[in-house]
Structure formats: C-alpha cells, structure tokens
Amino acid sequence: MGPHHPERTLAQLANSIPPEPQLYEAVWRRSAARRFSGGVVAMEAELAELTDAIEPEPGQLVVDIGCSEGLYARTLAGRGAAVLAVDHSREFLVQAQRRAGDAGVTLWPIRALAQHLPLADGSVQAAVIGGTLNEIGDVAAALSETRRVLSDAGRVFSTSLIDATGRVGRAVQRAVGVSGISFPTLAETCRSFEDAGLSVTDARSDGILLRIRAVAR
C-alpha cells in the first residue's frame, strides 16, 4: 500500500471487518446481479458477458480491480489468463486466495488502491471492475489509473449500479449514500470512462445493473 490508504467510509471499512469478507460472495454476490437487474441477469449470465468481453487466454495478463473474493479473477484464471487480484482489504485478498485454491486456479494478490496501482504503464491487456465503482471513492482517478496500466486497445469490463428511477429506489439509494456508496446515472458513468481515455463500446443496463465494455484509446 505504501503511503496510500483507503477512504474510511462505512462501505470501505466493512470490506475489512468480519464477517463481510468471509460471507460476501456466498450470501450477497451470488444473487446481486439478479436482484439489481430485476431478475433479468443471473450470475452465470454476468460471468458469460465477462468472458465474452475479455476473451481470456493463456499469456494474457488481466488486472481485477477491487476483486473482493475474486469471482471475476477466478473465472478468467480458469480460462487461462494470468490475473492480478487487487483490493485494499487484506481480508478479502486472503479469501480470494482461499477460493482460488479451492477452485484449482492461481491468482496473484496485490494489496493496493484502485487509484494507485503498483503496475507499469501499459503492462496489462485487460482490466475488470466487478461492482466496486460505486464505493471506490475517486472514480475519475481510478479509471485514469486503469487506462494507464492498460496496453493500447486493452479491454475493460465493468459492472456497477446506476441511479434508480422509482421513488422507493431513489429513497433507498439516498439512505445508503451516507455509507459512501454513490449511484451515478448511466450517462455520467459512461462519461467517466470516456474522460479517462476508455472508449465505451457497449453499455447495457437492466434495472440498476450496468455492464460496460470499453477499450483503451
């Protein structure tokens, strides 16, 4: 981590406090896509979109930014890619290693912030960001850093949540906003990618679940 430290929002603190790191994937993550997409997108479909966007293969170096327990990282590693699993939470990285071992795949865990990746310029061929943009803090800096470490035409796949349109949904998002979680619009999210030098090639939303594919330009 060096001199860099995560913002101490409630959402980020929870990532290091048991039992969240141990239960996140089993209790929350596995049903999140279906829940936030209004029942349209199951986790299996989400992971199929991930692999279609990244096209993992042996020799490809991928960074999973905000990896949590390593769901995206394991999926890509299982298809041959070498995956750097980045998270600020030591507890999440321990869980990611444990789950990778159980799945028979290898991950390379790195404790770092999305805004300060300890990687060389243009060193990875793809980057994935699974559900962390909403609580990652400085999104502009994180996406600029993503672009820095990507090779030209490197691929990006991201899932995040956008603002709700219904009254109840907006009220819930305002309430959880005090924990440090933000819900930008679809247009705002796409603009953040474009401003960072990442050209959005596809932006698909169901419910409040947004999936973005982009390439480094």
Protein backbone atom coordinates (compact mmCIF):
# COMPACT_ATOMS: atom_id res chain seq x y z
CA MET A 1 0.00 0.00 0.00
CA GLY A 2 2.92 2.37 0.59
CA PRO A 3 1.70 5.79 1.72
CA HIS A 4 -1.74 5.26 0.18
CA HIS A 5 -4.75 4.47 2.33
CA PRO A 6 -8.42 3.89 1.52
CA GLU A 7 -11.05 6.44 2.35
CA ARG A 8 -12.59 5.47 5.64
CA THR A 9 -16.20 5.36 4.55
CA LEU A 10 -18.52 2.86 6.19
CA ALA A 11 -18.67 0.87 2.96
CA GLN A 12 -14.89 0.58 2.74
CA LEU A 13 -14.46 -0.20 6.42
CA ALA A 14 -16.96 -3.04 6.11
CA ASN A 15 -14.71 -4.68 3.50
CA SER A 16 -12.17 -5.45 6.21
CA ILE A 17 -14.45 -6.33 9.11
CA PRO A 18 -15.66 -9.93 9.63
CA PRO A 19 -17.94 -11.47 8.66
CA GLU A 20 -18.33 -9.50 5.39
CA PRO A 21 -15.09 -10.67 3.75
CA GLN A 22 -15.98 -14.27 4.61
CA LEU A 23 -19.66 -14.14 3.59
CA TYR A 24 -19.75 -11.54 0.82
CA GLU A 25 -19.75 -13.89 -2.13
CA ALA A 26 -21.85 -16.70 -0.69
CA VAL A 27 -24.52 -14.50 0.86
CA TRP A 28 -24.58 -11.34 -1.28
CA ARG A 29 -22.61 -11.51 -4.51
CA ARG A 30 -24.12 -14.65 -5.98
CA SER A 31 -27.60 -13.14 -6.13
CA ALA A 32 -26.63 -9.49 -6.69
CA ALA A 33 -26.89 -9.45 -10.49
CA ARG A 34 -30.33 -11.00 -10.46
CA ARG A 35 -31.50 -8.72 -7.65
CA PHE A 36 -30.32 -5.45 -9.18
CA SER A 37 -31.33 -6.33 -12.73
CA GLY A 38 -34.91 -7.02 -11.71
CA GLY A 39 -34.47 -10.75 -12.24
CA VAL A 40 -33.15 -10.40 -15.79
CA VAL A 41 -29.44 -11.20 -15.32
CA ALA A 42 -28.30 -14.22 -13.30
CA MET A 43 -24.72 -14.51 -12.09
CA GLU A 44 -23.99 -17.12 -14.74
CA ALA A 45 -25.09 -14.70 -17.47
CA GLU A 46 -22.98 -11.94 -15.91
CA LEU A 47 -19.90 -14.15 -15.99
CA ALA A 48 -20.66 -15.15 -19.59
CA GLU A 49 -20.68 -11.44 -20.50
CA LEU A 50 -17.37 -11.05 -18.67
CA THR A 51 -15.62 -13.82 -20.59
CA ASP A 52 -17.12 -12.69 -23.90
CA ALA A 53 -15.82 -9.15 -23.32
CA ILE A 54 -12.31 -10.12 -22.17
CA GLU A 55 -11.76 -13.32 -24.19
CA PRO A 56 -9.29 -14.73 -21.65
CA GLU A 57 -6.46 -16.88 -22.99
CA PRO A 58 -3.06 -18.16 -21.88
CA GLY A 59 -0.45 -15.42 -21.83
CA GLN A 60 -2.98 -12.66 -21.31
CA LEU A 61 -2.36 -10.51 -18.22
CA VAL A 62 -5.52 -9.16 -16.57
CA VAL A 63 -5.99 -6.96 -13.50
CA ASP A 64 -9.14 -7.38 -11.39
CA ILE A 65 -9.58 -4.03 -9.64
CA GLY A 66 -11.45 -4.27 -6.35
CA CYS A 67 -11.53 -8.06 -6.61
CA SER A 68 -13.28 -8.81 -3.27
CA GLU A 69 -13.30 -12.62 -3.03
CA GLY A 70 -12.08 -12.95 -6.60
CA LEU A 71 -15.19 -14.04 -8.51
CA TYR A 72 -14.15 -12.34 -11.76
CA ALA A 73 -10.49 -13.19 -11.19
CA ARG A 74 -11.18 -16.93 -10.74
CA THR A 75 -13.43 -17.01 -13.78
CA LEU A 76 -10.74 -15.54 -16.02
CA ALA A 77 -7.89 -17.53 -14.45
CA GLY A 78 -9.89 -20.70 -15.03
CA ARG A 79 -9.77 -19.91 -18.74
CA GLY A 80 -6.03 -19.44 -18.86
CA ALA A 81 -5.42 -15.76 -18.13
CA ALA A 82 -2.85 -14.63 -15.57
CA VAL A 83 -4.84 -12.48 -13.15
CA LEU A 84 -3.60 -9.84 -10.73
CA ALA A 85 -6.22 -9.61 -7.97
CA VAL A 86 -6.19 -6.10 -6.45
CA ASP A 87 -8.05 -4.97 -3.34
CA HIS A 88 -7.36 -2.65 -0.41
CA SER A 89 -8.79 -5.22 2.02
CA ARG A 90 -6.27 -7.76 3.28
CA GLU A 91 -9.15 -9.93 4.47
CA PHE A 92 -10.73 -10.02 1.01
CA LEU A 93 -7.38 -10.99 -0.54
CA VAL A 94 -7.00 -13.87 1.92
CA GLN A 95 -10.46 -15.07 0.95
CA ALA A 96 -9.67 -14.66 -2.75
CA GLN A 97 -6.59 -16.86 -2.38
CA ARG A 98 -8.57 -19.44 -0.44
CA ARG A 99 -11.34 -19.60 -3.01
CA ALA A 100 -8.83 -19.76 -5.85
CA GLY A 101 -7.12 -22.71 -4.18
CA ASP A 102 -10.45 -24.48 -3.76
CA ALA A 103 -11.17 -23.88 -7.46
CA GLY A 104 -7.74 -25.10 -8.54
CA VAL A 105 -6.66 -21.81 -10.12
CA THR A 106 -3.86 -19.35 -9.37
CA LEU A 107 -4.31 -15.66 -8.62
CA TRP A 108 -1.67 -13.04 -7.87
CA PRO A 109 -3.00 -10.97 -4.93
CA ILE A 110 -1.96 -7.32 -4.65
CA ARG A 111 -2.98 -5.05 -1.79
CA ALA A 112 -3.41 -1.61 -3.31
CA LEU A 113 -5.88 1.13 -4.09
CA ALA A 114 -7.59 1.43 -7.45
CA GLN A 115 -6.23 4.97 -7.65
CA HIS A 116 -2.62 3.81 -7.07
CA LEU A 117 -1.95 0.54 -8.90
CA PRO A 118 1.64 -0.70 -8.45
CA LEU A 119 1.87 -1.68 -12.12
CA ALA A 120 3.90 -0.35 -15.01
CA ASP A 121 2.34 1.74 -17.78
CA GLY A 122 0.70 -0.40 -20.45
CA SER A 123 1.56 -3.64 -18.65
CA VAL A 124 -1.81 -5.45 -18.76
CA GLN A 125 -4.01 -6.45 -21.67
CA ALA A 126 -7.34 -6.25 -19.85
CA ALA A 127 -8.94 -4.86 -16.70
CA VAL A 128 -12.15 -5.86 -14.93
CA ILE A 129 -14.05 -3.99 -12.24
CA GLY A 130 -16.84 -6.01 -10.68
CA GLY A 131 -19.30 -3.94 -8.70
CA THR A 132 -16.81 -1.66 -6.93
CA LEU A 133 -17.09 1.64 -8.81
CA ASN A 134 -19.97 2.69 -6.56
CA GLU A 135 -17.82 2.59 -3.43
CA ILE A 136 -14.32 3.01 -4.81
CA GLY A 137 -14.04 6.69 -3.89
CA ASP A 138 -12.39 8.83 -6.56
CA VAL A 139 -13.80 7.17 -9.70
CA ALA A 140 -12.05 9.54 -12.11
CA ALA A 141 -8.65 8.74 -10.62
CA ALA A 142 -9.39 5.00 -10.57
CA LEU A 143 -10.38 4.93 -14.23
CA SER A 144 -7.42 7.09 -15.24
CA GLU A 145 -5.16 4.64 -13.42
CA THR A 146 -6.90 1.77 -15.19
CA ARG A 147 -6.13 3.41 -18.53
CA ARG A 148 -2.51 3.99 -17.52
CA VAL A 149 -1.78 0.32 -16.86
CA LEU A 150 -3.65 -0.90 -19.95
CA SER A 151 -1.91 -1.52 -23.24
CA ASP A 152 -3.33 0.31 -26.26
CA ALA A 153 -6.66 -1.26 -27.26
CA GLY A 154 -6.69 -3.12 -23.93
CA ARG A 155 -10.15 -4.28 -22.92
CA VAL A 156 -12.25 -3.32 -19.93
CA PHE A 157 -15.35 -4.96 -18.48
CA SER A 158 -17.15 -3.28 -15.60
CA THR A 159 -20.34 -3.81 -13.66
CA SER A 160 -21.79 -1.11 -11.44
CA LEU A 161 -25.08 0.29 -10.21
CA ILE A 162 -26.78 3.37 -11.63
CA ASP A 163 -29.39 5.69 -10.19
CA ALA A 164 -32.84 4.27 -9.58
CA THR A 165 -35.84 5.76 -11.36
CA GLY A 166 -38.58 4.79 -8.93
CA ARG A 167 -39.41 6.75 -5.80
CA VAL A 168 -38.70 3.86 -3.44
CA GLY A 169 -35.44 3.01 -5.19
CA ARG A 170 -34.25 6.61 -5.03
CA ALA A 171 -35.09 6.77 -1.33
CA VAL A 172 -33.10 3.62 -0.63
CA GLN A 173 -30.12 4.91 -2.58
CA ARG A 174 -30.18 8.20 -0.69
CA ALA A 175 -30.24 6.29 2.59
CA VAL A 176 -27.26 4.06 1.76
CA GLY A 177 -25.40 7.03 0.32
CA VAL A 178 -24.33 8.03 3.83
CA SER A 179 -22.09 4.94 3.87
CA GLY A 180 -20.05 6.29 0.96
CA ILE A 181 -21.82 4.48 -1.88
CA SER A 182 -22.76 6.59 -4.91
CA PHE A 183 -25.20 5.94 -7.75
CA PRO A 184 -24.39 7.98 -10.87
CA THR A 185 -26.55 7.97 -13.97
CA LEU A 186 -25.74 5.78 -16.95
CA ALA A 187 -24.60 8.85 -18.89
CA GLU A 188 -22.39 10.03 -16.03
CA THR A 189 -20.76 6.62 -15.76
CA CYS A 190 -20.05 6.43 -19.49
CA ARG A 191 -18.65 9.95 -19.44
CA SER A 192 -16.25 8.96 -16.63
CA PHE A 193 -14.87 6.17 -18.83
CA GLU A 194 -14.55 8.41 -21.87
CA ASP A 195 -12.84 11.16 -19.87
CA ALA A 196 -10.27 8.62 -18.67
CA GLY A 197 -9.35 7.58 -22.21
CA LEU A 198 -11.52 4.46 -22.26
CA SER A 199 -13.87 4.32 -25.25
CA VAL A 200 -17.19 2.71 -24.32
CA THR A 201 -18.14 0.14 -26.94
CA ASP A 202 -21.22 -1.19 -25.17
CA ALA A 203 -23.27 -0.04 -22.19
CA ARG A 204 -26.07 -2.36 -21.20
CA SER A 205 -28.44 -1.81 -18.27
CA ASP A 206 -31.20 -3.89 -16.75
CA GLY A 207 -32.83 -2.45 -13.67
CA ILE A 208 -29.99 -0.56 -12.00
CA LEU A 209 -27.33 -3.07 -13.07
CA LEU A 210 -24.99 -1.55 -15.67
CA ARG A 211 -22.41 -3.51 -17.66
CA ILE A 212 -19.83 -1.57 -19.64
CA ARG A 213 -17.34 -2.75 -22.22
CA ALA A 214 -14.59 -0.34 -23.19
CA VAL A 215 -11.23 -0.24 -24.92
CA ALA A 216 -8.18 1.88 -24.16
CA ARG A 217 -7.50 4.51 -26.78
